[in-house]
Amino acid sequence: MNEGAIRVTELTSMRNIGKEMEKKLKSVGITTAQKLKEVGSKEAFVRLKLHYANICMICPVHLYTLEGAISDMEYNQLPKNVKQDLKNFCDKWK
């Protein structure tokens, strides 16, 4: 592939994203790492929360995981202020 070509990167190539999360993200229209970065962690979280409202628990850790994937860091290494912002956002969706 030449350097100018656009690469489609699999979701599972990102930190914190395993096969199960990849499956859930794809079900809400987020099919690549680039798409997750474009959409952002909060929008991805809302899509998951709405889609899986009656099936499984979507909790703050999911939001931290998504943000960590976008930021290329383990979710438990996110700065405290980022975690607090994400928790406040998540609390609005309880």
PDB file of N, CA and C in Angstrom:
ATOM      1  N   MET A   1       0.856  -1.179   0.000  1.00  0.00           N
ATOM      2  CA  MET A   1       0.000   0.000   0.000  1.00  0.00           C
ATOM      3  C   MET A   1       0.896   1.234   0.000  1.00  0.00           C
ATOM      4  N   ASN A   2       0.550   2.216  -0.816  1.00  0.00           N
ATOM      5  CA  ASN A   2       1.372   3.425  -0.819  1.00  0.00           C
ATOM      6  C   ASN A   2       1.023   4.311   0.367  1.00  0.00           C
ATOM      7  N   GLU A   3       1.908   5.229   0.702  1.00  0.00           N
ATOM      8  CA  GLU A   3       1.738   6.050   1.903  1.00  0.00           C
ATOM      9  C   GLU A   3       0.527   6.967   1.830  1.00  0.00           C
ATOM     10  N   GLY A   4       0.073   7.327   0.643  1.00  0.00           N
ATOM     11  CA  GLY A   4      -1.068   8.223   0.501  1.00  0.00           C
ATOM     12  C   GLY A   4      -2.411   7.526   0.612  1.00  0.00           C
ATOM     13  N   ALA A   5      -2.416   6.203   0.595  1.00  0.00           N
ATOM     14  CA  ALA A   5      -3.667   5.455   0.645  1.00  0.00           C
ATOM     15  C   ALA A   5      -4.279   5.516   2.045  1.00  0.00           C
ATOM     16  N   ILE A   6      -5.592   5.493   2.075  1.00  0.00           N
ATOM     17  CA  ILE A   6      -6.307   5.484   3.349  1.00  0.00           C
ATOM     18  C   ILE A   6      -6.380   4.045   3.837  1.00  0.00           C
ATOM     19  N   ARG A   7      -5.958   3.833   5.069  1.00  0.00           N
ATOM     20  CA  ARG A   7      -6.008   2.496   5.653  1.00  0.00           C
ATOM     21  C   ARG A   7      -7.253   2.351   6.503  1.00  0.00           C
ATOM     22  N   VAL A   8      -7.921   1.242   6.342  1.00  0.00           N
ATOM     23  CA  VAL A   8      -9.061   0.933   7.189  1.00  0.00           C
ATOM     24  C   VAL A   8      -8.523   0.087   8.330  1.00  0.00           C
ATOM     25  N   THR A   9      -8.606   0.618   9.525  1.00  0.00           N
ATOM     26  CA  THR A   9      -8.051  -0.061  10.688  1.00  0.00           C
ATOM     27  C   THR A   9      -9.173  -0.730  11.475  1.00  0.00           C
ATOM     28  N   GLU A  10      -8.975  -1.977  11.768  1.00  0.00           N
ATOM     29  CA  GLU A  10      -9.956  -2.746  12.530  1.00  0.00           C
ATOM     30  C   GLU A  10     -10.105  -2.174  13.942  1.00  0.00           C
ATOM     31  N   LEU A  11     -11.302  -2.257  14.454  1.00  0.00           N
ATOM     32  CA  LEU A  11     -11.556  -1.792  15.818  1.00  0.00           C
ATOM     33  C   LEU A  11     -10.698  -2.541  16.831  1.00  0.00           C
ATOM     34  N   THR A  12     -10.513  -3.827  16.618  1.00  0.00           N
ATOM     35  CA  THR A  12      -9.744  -4.623  17.588  1.00  0.00           C
ATOM     36  C   THR A  12      -8.257  -4.300  17.581  1.00  0.00           C
ATOM     37  N   SER A  13      -7.815  -3.473  16.653  1.00  0.00           N
ATOM     38  CA  SER A  13      -6.417  -3.038  16.680  1.00  0.00           C
ATOM     39  C   SER A  13      -6.204  -1.940  17.721  1.00  0.00           C
ATOM     40  N   MET A  14      -7.303  -1.401  18.247  1.00  0.00           N
ATOM     41  CA  MET A  14      -7.231  -0.334  19.248  1.00  0.00           C
ATOM     42  C   MET A  14      -7.128  -0.931  20.645  1.00  0.00           C
ATOM     43  N   ARG A  15      -6.468  -0.209  21.531  1.00  0.00           N
ATOM     44  CA  ARG A  15      -6.421  -0.628  22.939  1.00  0.00           C
ATOM     45  C   ARG A  15      -7.842  -0.731  23.470  1.00  0.00           C
ATOM     46  N   ASN A  16      -8.062  -1.665  24.365  1.00  0.00           N
ATOM     47  CA  ASN A  16      -9.309  -1.833  25.102  1.00  0.00           C
ATOM     48  C   ASN A  16     -10.471  -2.395  24.284  1.00  0.00           C
ATOM     49  N   ILE A  17     -10.293  -2.587  22.976  1.00  0.00           N
ATOM     50  CA  ILE A  17     -11.401  -3.060  22.147  1.00  0.00           C
ATOM     51  C   ILE A  17     -11.182  -4.528  21.791  1.00  0.00           C
ATOM     52  N   GLY A  18     -12.009  -5.370  22.392  1.00  0.00           N
ATOM     53  CA  GLY A  18     -11.961  -6.800  22.092  1.00  0.00           C
ATOM     54  C   GLY A  18     -13.061  -7.165  21.108  1.00  0.00           C
ATOM     55  N   LYS A  19     -13.184  -8.437  20.857  1.00  0.00           N
ATOM     56  CA  LYS A  19     -14.169  -8.925  19.882  1.00  0.00           C
ATOM     57  C   LYS A  19     -15.603  -8.563  20.272  1.00  0.00           C
ATOM     58  N   GLU A  20     -15.935  -8.666  21.550  1.00  0.00           N
ATOM     59  CA  GLU A  20     -17.312  -8.380  21.989  1.00  0.00           C
ATOM     60  C   GLU A  20     -17.647  -6.901  21.810  1.00  0.00           C
ATOM     61  N   MET A  21     -16.737  -6.015  22.220  1.00  0.00           N
ATOM     62  CA  MET A  21     -16.987  -4.584  22.040  1.00  0.00           C
ATOM     63  C   MET A  21     -17.020  -4.238  20.558  1.00  0.00           C
ATOM     64  N   GLU A  22     -16.155  -4.861  19.778  1.00  0.00           N
ATOM     65  CA  GLU A  22     -16.165  -4.624  18.331  1.00  0.00           C
ATOM     66  C   GLU A  22     -17.535  -4.986  17.752  1.00  0.00           C
ATOM     67  N   LYS A  23     -18.068  -6.114  18.152  1.00  0.00           N
ATOM     68  CA  LYS A  23     -19.376  -6.568  17.672  1.00  0.00           C
ATOM     69  C   LYS A  23     -20.461  -5.548  18.032  1.00  0.00           C
ATOM     70  N   LYS A  24     -20.426  -5.061  19.260  1.00  0.00           N
ATOM     71  CA  LYS A  24     -21.422  -4.077  19.700  1.00  0.00           C
ATOM     72  C   LYS A  24     -21.277  -2.769  18.926  1.00  0.00           C
ATOM     73  N   LEU A  25     -20.049  -2.310  18.757  1.00  0.00           N
ATOM     74  CA  LEU A  25     -19.833  -1.059  18.024  1.00  0.00           C
ATOM     75  C   LEU A  25     -20.304  -1.188  16.575  1.00  0.00           C
ATOM     76  N   LYS A  26     -20.006  -2.290  15.945  1.00  0.00           N
ATOM     77  CA  LYS A  26     -20.444  -2.496  14.559  1.00  0.00           C
ATOM     78  C   LYS A  26     -21.962  -2.493  14.457  1.00  0.00           C
ATOM     79  N   SER A  27     -22.637  -3.003  15.482  1.00  0.00           N
ATOM     80  CA  SER A  27     -24.102  -3.052  15.454  1.00  0.00           C
ATOM     81  C   SER A  27     -24.732  -1.662  15.520  1.00  0.00           C
ATOM     82  N   VAL A  28     -23.949  -0.664  15.949  1.00  0.00           N
ATOM     83  CA  VAL A  28     -24.467   0.713  16.006  1.00  0.00           C
ATOM     84  C   VAL A  28     -23.796   1.608  14.963  1.00  0.00           C
ATOM     85  N   GLY A  29     -23.222   0.982  13.936  1.00  0.00           N
ATOM     86  CA  GLY A  29     -22.689   1.735  12.812  1.00  0.00           C
ATOM     87  C   GLY A  29     -21.259   2.215  12.923  1.00  0.00           C
ATOM     88  N   ILE A  30     -20.553   1.765  13.935  1.00  0.00           N
ATOM     89  CA  ILE A  30     -19.149   2.149  14.105  1.00  0.00           C
ATOM     90  C   ILE A  30     -18.318   0.927  13.729  1.00  0.00           C
ATOM     91  N   THR A  31     -17.797   0.944  12.502  1.00  0.00           N
ATOM     92  CA  THR A  31     -17.201  -0.257  11.940  1.00  0.00           C
ATOM     93  C   THR A  31     -15.680  -0.234  11.830  1.00  0.00           C
ATOM     94  N   THR A  32     -15.072   0.920  12.042  1.00  0.00           N
ATOM     95  CA  THR A  32     -13.613   1.029  11.948  1.00  0.00           C
ATOM     96  C   THR A  32     -13.081   1.900  13.073  1.00  0.00           C
ATOM     97  N   ALA A  33     -11.780   1.811  13.294  1.00  0.00           N
ATOM     98  CA  ALA A  33     -11.128   2.664  14.284  1.00  0.00           C
ATOM     99  C   ALA A  33     -11.307   4.136  13.923  1.00  0.00           C
ATOM    100  N   GLN A  34     -11.196   4.451  12.639  1.00  0.00           N
ATOM    101  CA  GLN A  34     -11.359   5.834  12.198  1.00  0.00           C
ATOM    102  C   GLN A  34     -12.757   6.351  12.519  1.00  0.00           C
ATOM    103  N   LYS A  35     -13.768   5.507  12.297  1.00  0.00           N
ATOM    104  CA  LYS A  35     -15.146   5.913  12.578  1.00  0.00           C
ATOM    105  C   LYS A  35     -15.334   6.168  14.069  1.00  0.00           C
ATOM    106  N   LEU A  36     -14.755   5.338  14.919  1.00  0.00           N
ATOM    107  CA  LEU A  36     -14.849   5.558  16.363  1.00  0.00           C
ATOM    108  C   LEU A  36     -14.209   6.886  16.741  1.00  0.00           C
ATOM    109  N   LYS A  37     -13.063   7.193  16.144  1.00  0.00           N
ATOM    110  CA  LYS A  37     -12.404   8.470  16.431  1.00  0.00           C
ATOM    111  C   LYS A  37     -13.244   9.650  15.955  1.00  0.00           C
ATOM    112  N   GLU A  38     -13.883   9.512  14.797  1.00  0.00           N
ATOM    113  CA  GLU A  38     -14.741  10.580  14.271  1.00  0.00           C
ATOM    114  C   GLU A  38     -15.960  10.803  15.158  1.00  0.00           C
ATOM    115  N   VAL A  39     -16.577   9.717  15.565  1.00  0.00           N
ATOM    116  CA  VAL A  39     -17.805   9.779  16.365  1.00  0.00           C
ATOM    117  C   VAL A  39     -17.509  10.252  17.786  1.00  0.00           C
ATOM    118  N   GLY A  40     -16.415   9.769  18.347  1.00  0.00           N
ATOM    119  CA  GLY A  40     -16.050  10.115  19.720  1.00  0.00           C
ATOM    120  C   GLY A  40     -16.641   9.160  20.730  1.00  0.00           C
ATOM    121  N   SER A  41     -16.047   9.138  21.900  1.00  0.00           N
ATOM    122  CA  SER A  41     -16.449   8.172  22.928  1.00  0.00           C
ATOM    123  C   SER A  41     -17.857   8.425  23.446  1.00  0.00           C
ATOM    124  N   LYS A  42     -18.232   9.681  23.607  1.00  0.00           N
ATOM    125  CA  LYS A  42     -19.557   9.970  24.171  1.00  0.00           C
ATOM    126  C   LYS A  42     -20.682   9.578  23.222  1.00  0.00           C
ATOM    127  N   GLU A  43     -20.545   9.897  21.946  1.00  0.00           N
ATOM    128  CA  GLU A  43     -21.568   9.513  20.969  1.00  0.00           C
ATOM    129  C   GLU A  43     -21.634   7.999  20.824  1.00  0.00           C
ATOM    130  N   ALA A  44     -20.485   7.349  20.809  1.00  0.00           N
ATOM    131  CA  ALA A  44     -20.469   5.884  20.724  1.00  0.00           C
ATOM    132  C   ALA A  44     -21.166   5.282  21.947  1.00  0.00           C
ATOM    133  N   PHE A  45     -20.901   5.830  23.112  1.00  0.00           N
ATOM    134  CA  PHE A  45     -21.529   5.369  24.347  1.00  0.00           C
ATOM    135  C   PHE A  45     -23.045   5.519  24.270  1.00  0.00           C
ATOM    136  N   VAL A  46     -23.509   6.669  23.804  1.00  0.00           N
ATOM    137  CA  VAL A  46     -24.951   6.909  23.701  1.00  0.00           C
ATOM    138  C   VAL A  46     -25.589   5.913  22.734  1.00  0.00           C
ATOM    139  N   ARG A  47     -24.949   5.696  21.617  1.00  0.00           N
ATOM    140  CA  ARG A  47     -25.481   4.718  20.657  1.00  0.00           C
ATOM    141  C   ARG A  47     -25.594   3.340  21.287  1.00  0.00           C
ATOM    142  N   LEU A  48     -24.563   2.921  22.013  1.00  0.00           N
ATOM    143  CA  LEU A  48     -24.591   1.621  22.680  1.00  0.00           C
ATOM    144  C   LEU A  48     -25.672   1.587  23.750  1.00  0.00           C
ATOM    145  N   LYS A  49     -25.747   2.626  24.520  1.00  0.00           N
ATOM    146  CA  LYS A  49     -26.724   2.702  25.617  1.00  0.00           C
ATOM    147  C   LYS A  49     -28.148   2.575  25.081  1.00  0.00           C
ATOM    148  N   LEU A  50     -28.433   3.280  23.986  1.00  0.00           N
ATOM    149  CA  LEU A  50     -29.773   3.233  23.407  1.00  0.00           C
ATOM    150  C   LEU A  50     -30.060   1.882  22.746  1.00  0.00           C
ATOM    151  N   HIS A  51     -29.093   1.350  22.051  1.00  0.00           N
ATOM    152  CA  HIS A  51     -29.286   0.093  21.336  1.00  0.00           C
ATOM    153  C   HIS A  51     -29.392  -1.098  22.275  1.00  0.00           C
ATOM    154  N   TYR A  52     -28.618  -1.095  23.341  1.00  0.00           N
ATOM    155  CA  TYR A  52     -28.569  -2.229  24.253  1.00  0.00           C
ATOM    156  C   TYR A  52     -29.277  -1.967  25.576  1.00  0.00           C
ATOM    157  N   ALA A  53     -30.196  -1.040  25.594  1.00  0.00           N
ATOM    158  CA  ALA A  53     -30.865  -0.642  26.837  1.00  0.00           C
ATOM    159  C   ALA A  53     -31.498  -1.816  27.577  1.00  0.00           C
ATOM    160  N   ASN A  54     -32.105  -2.738  26.860  1.00  0.00           N
ATOM    161  CA  ASN A  54     -32.804  -3.849  27.503  1.00  0.00           C
ATOM    162  C   ASN A  54     -32.028  -5.160  27.471  1.00  0.00           C
ATOM    163  N   ILE A  55     -30.850  -5.133  26.880  1.00  0.00           N
ATOM    164  CA  ILE A  55     -30.104  -6.375  26.711  1.00  0.00           C
ATOM    165  C   ILE A  55     -28.969  -6.511  27.720  1.00  0.00           C
ATOM    166  N   CYS A  56     -28.179  -5.473  27.872  1.00  0.00           N
ATOM    167  CA  CYS A  56     -27.037  -5.557  28.783  1.00  0.00           C
ATOM    168  C   CYS A  56     -26.776  -4.195  29.420  1.00  0.00           C
ATOM    169  N   MET A  57     -25.995  -4.237  30.450  1.00  0.00           N
ATOM    170  CA  MET A  57     -25.657  -3.018  31.181  1.00  0.00           C
ATOM    171  C   MET A  57     -24.513  -2.298  30.471  1.00  0.00           C
ATOM    172  N   ILE A  58     -24.761  -1.073  30.054  1.00  0.00           N
ATOM    173  CA  ILE A  58     -23.708  -0.233  29.500  1.00  0.00           C
ATOM    174  C   ILE A  58     -23.374   0.765  30.603  1.00  0.00           C
ATOM    175  N   CYS A  59     -22.157   0.713  31.110  1.00  0.00           N
ATOM    176  CA  CYS A  59     -21.795   1.473  32.305  1.00  0.00           C
ATOM    177  C   CYS A  59     -20.595   2.388  32.051  1.00  0.00           C
ATOM    178  N   PRO A  60     -20.200   3.167  33.058  1.00  0.00           N
ATOM    179  CA  PRO A  60     -19.067   4.090  32.881  1.00  0.00           C
ATOM    180  C   PRO A  60     -17.790   3.419  32.377  1.00  0.00           C
ATOM    181  N   VAL A  61     -17.535   2.187  32.767  1.00  0.00           N
ATOM    182  CA  VAL A  61     -16.319   1.521  32.317  1.00  0.00           C
ATOM    183  C   VAL A  61     -16.308   1.396  30.793  1.00  0.00           C
ATOM    184  N   HIS A  62     -17.474   1.188  30.196  1.00  0.00           N
ATOM    185  CA  HIS A  62     -17.549   1.146  28.732  1.00  0.00           C
ATOM    186  C   HIS A  62     -17.125   2.484  28.141  1.00  0.00           C
ATOM    187  N   LEU A  63     -17.573   3.556  28.740  1.00  0.00           N
ATOM    188  CA  LEU A  63     -17.216   4.889  28.255  1.00  0.00           C
ATOM    189  C   LEU A  63     -15.718   5.133  28.427  1.00  0.00           C
ATOM    190  N   TYR A  64     -15.166   4.746  29.561  1.00  0.00           N
ATOM    191  CA  TYR A  64     -13.717   4.888  29.785  1.00  0.00           C
ATOM    192  C   TYR A  64     -12.936   4.062  28.753  1.00  0.00           C
ATOM    193  N   THR A  65     -13.437   2.865  28.473  1.00  0.00           N
ATOM    194  CA  THR A  65     -12.792   1.979  27.507  1.00  0.00           C
ATOM    195  C   THR A  65     -12.760   2.622  26.121  1.00  0.00           C
ATOM    196  N   LEU A  66     -13.877   3.197  25.725  1.00  0.00           N
ATOM    197  CA  LEU A  66     -13.954   3.854  24.414  1.00  0.00           C
ATOM    198  C   LEU A  66     -13.007   5.046  24.341  1.00  0.00           C
ATOM    199  N   GLU A  67     -12.992   5.855  25.391  1.00  0.00           N
ATOM    200  CA  GLU A  67     -12.098   7.020  25.418  1.00  0.00           C
ATOM    201  C   GLU A  67     -10.641   6.574  25.415  1.00  0.00           C
ATOM    202  N   GLY A  68     -10.340   5.531  26.162  1.00  0.00           N
ATOM    203  CA  GLY A  68      -8.980   5.004  26.172  1.00  0.00           C
ATOM    204  C   GLY A  68      -8.561   4.502  24.799  1.00  0.00           C
ATOM    205  N   ALA A  69      -9.481   3.860  24.095  1.00  0.00           N
ATOM    206  CA  ALA A  69      -9.177   3.383  22.740  1.00  0.00           C
ATOM    207  C   ALA A  69      -8.851   4.548  21.821  1.00  0.00           C
ATOM    208  N   ILE A  70      -9.654   5.598  21.896  1.00  0.00           N
ATOM    209  CA  ILE A  70      -9.438   6.780  21.061  1.00  0.00           C
ATOM    210  C   ILE A  70      -8.129   7.475  21.428  1.00  0.00           C
ATOM    211  N   SER A  71      -7.822   7.519  22.722  1.00  0.00           N
ATOM    212  CA  SER A  71      -6.616   8.194  23.215  1.00  0.00           C
ATOM    213  C   SER A  71      -5.376   7.306  23.182  1.00  0.00           C
ATOM    214  N   ASP A  72      -5.549   6.057  22.783  1.00  0.00           N
ATOM    215  CA  ASP A  72      -4.468   5.079  22.728  1.00  0.00           C
ATOM    216  C   ASP A  72      -3.795   4.893  24.087  1.00  0.00           C
ATOM    217  N   MET A  73      -4.643   4.677  25.101  1.00  0.00           N
ATOM    218  CA  MET A  73      -4.123   4.366  26.434  1.00  0.00           C
ATOM    219  C   MET A  73      -5.085   3.424  27.144  1.00  0.00           C
ATOM    220  N   GLU A  74      -4.558   2.693  28.086  1.00  0.00           N
ATOM    221  CA  GLU A  74      -5.418   1.817  28.875  1.00  0.00           C
ATOM    222  C   GLU A  74      -6.456   2.678  29.596  1.00  0.00           C
ATOM    223  N   TYR A  75      -7.686   2.177  29.650  1.00  0.00           N
ATOM    224  CA  TYR A  75      -8.767   2.983  30.237  1.00  0.00           C
ATOM    225  C   TYR A  75      -8.489   3.380  31.679  1.00  0.00           C
ATOM    226  N   ASN A  76      -7.784   2.543  32.422  1.00  0.00           N
ATOM    227  CA  ASN A  76      -7.508   2.878  33.826  1.00  0.00           C
ATOM    228  C   ASN A  76      -6.359   3.872  33.980  1.00  0.00           C
ATOM    229  N   GLN A  77      -5.764   4.289  32.858  1.00  0.00           N
ATOM    230  CA  GLN A  77      -4.702   5.293  32.885  1.00  0.00           C
ATOM    231  C   GLN A  77      -5.189   6.679  32.450  1.00  0.00           C
ATOM    232  N   LEU A  78      -6.481   6.805  32.154  1.00  0.00           N
ATOM    233  CA  LEU A  78      -7.017   8.116  31.775  1.00  0.00           C
ATOM    234  C   LEU A  78      -6.820   9.099  32.919  1.00  0.00           C
ATOM    235  N   PRO A  79      -6.532  10.353  32.611  1.00  0.00           N
ATOM    236  CA  PRO A  79      -6.384  11.361  33.671  1.00  0.00           C
ATOM    237  C   PRO A  79      -7.677  11.505  34.487  1.00  0.00           C
ATOM    238  N   LYS A  80      -7.519  11.856  35.746  1.00  0.00           N
ATOM    239  CA  LYS A  80      -8.675  11.966  36.645  1.00  0.00           C
ATOM    240  C   LYS A  80      -9.725  12.938  36.123  1.00  0.00           C
ATOM    241  N   ASN A  81      -9.286  14.075  35.560  1.00  0.00           N
ATOM    242  CA  ASN A  81     -10.259  15.050  35.068  1.00  0.00           C
ATOM    243  C   ASN A  81     -11.056  14.504  33.884  1.00  0.00           C
ATOM    244  N   VAL A  82     -10.426  13.685  33.061  1.00  0.00           N
ATOM    245  CA  VAL A  82     -11.126  13.063  31.929  1.00  0.00           C
ATOM    246  C   VAL A  82     -12.134  12.050  32.455  1.00  0.00           C
ATOM    247  N   LYS A  83     -11.708  11.229  33.399  1.00  0.00           N
ATOM    248  CA  LYS A  83     -12.626  10.246  33.993  1.00  0.00           C
ATOM    249  C   LYS A  83     -13.814  10.932  34.651  1.00  0.00           C
ATOM    250  N   GLN A  84     -13.560  12.035  35.339  1.00  0.00           N
ATOM    251  CA  GLN A  84     -14.653  12.745  36.009  1.00  0.00           C
ATOM    252  C   GLN A  84     -15.638  13.307  34.993  1.00  0.00           C
ATOM    253  N   ASP A  85     -15.119  13.882  33.909  1.00  0.00           N
ATOM    254  CA  ASP A  85     -15.987  14.399  32.848  1.00  0.00           C
ATOM    255  C   ASP A  85     -16.829  13.276  32.254  1.00  0.00           C
ATOM    256  N   LEU A  86     -16.205  12.135  31.995  1.00  0.00           N
ATOM    257  CA  LEU A  86     -16.929  11.003  31.430  1.00  0.00           C
ATOM    258  C   LEU A  86     -17.954  10.447  32.408  1.00  0.00           C
ATOM    259  N   LYS A  87     -17.608  10.399  33.689  1.00  0.00           N
ATOM    260  CA  LYS A  87     -18.553   9.916  34.691  1.00  0.00           C
ATOM    261  C   LYS A  87     -19.753  10.843  34.784  1.00  0.00           C
ATOM    262  N   ASN A  88     -19.506  12.151  34.768  1.00  0.00           N
ATOM    263  CA  ASN A  88     -20.617  13.118  34.811  1.00  0.00           C
ATOM    264  C   ASN A  88     -21.526  12.924  33.599  1.00  0.00           C
ATOM    265  N   PHE A  89     -20.938  12.724  32.435  1.00  0.00           N
ATOM    266  CA  PHE A  89     -21.725  12.481  31.221  1.00  0.00           C
ATOM    267  C   PHE A  89     -22.539  11.201  31.359  1.00  0.00           C
ATOM    268  N   CYS A  90     -21.900  10.166  31.847  1.00  0.00           N
ATOM    269  CA  CYS A  90     -22.565   8.880  32.017  1.00  0.00           C
ATOM    270  C   CYS A  90     -23.728   8.970  33.005  1.00  0.00           C
ATOM    271  N   ASP A  91     -23.525   9.711  34.083  1.00  0.00           N
ATOM    272  CA  ASP A  91     -24.566   9.847  35.110  1.00  0.00           C
ATOM    273  C   ASP A  91     -25.848  10.446  34.553  1.00  0.00           C
ATOM    274  N   LYS A  92     -25.729  11.265  33.510  1.00  0.00           N
ATOM    275  CA  LYS A  92     -26.909  11.869  32.891  1.00  0.00           C
ATOM    276  C   LYS A  92     -27.752  10.817  32.152  1.00  0.00           C
ATOM    277  N   TRP A  93     -27.175   9.678  31.854  1.00  0.00           N
ATOM    278  CA  TRP A  93     -27.853   8.641  31.089  1.00  0.00           C
ATOM    279  C   TRP A  93     -28.360   7.491  31.948  1.00  0.00           C
ATOM    280  N   LYS A  94     -28.353   7.664  33.249  1.00  0.00           N
ATOM    281  CA  LYS A  94     -28.853   6.587  34.139  1.00  0.00           C
ATOM    282  C   LYS A  94     -30.349   6.504  34.069  1.00  0.00           C
TER     283      LYS A  94
END
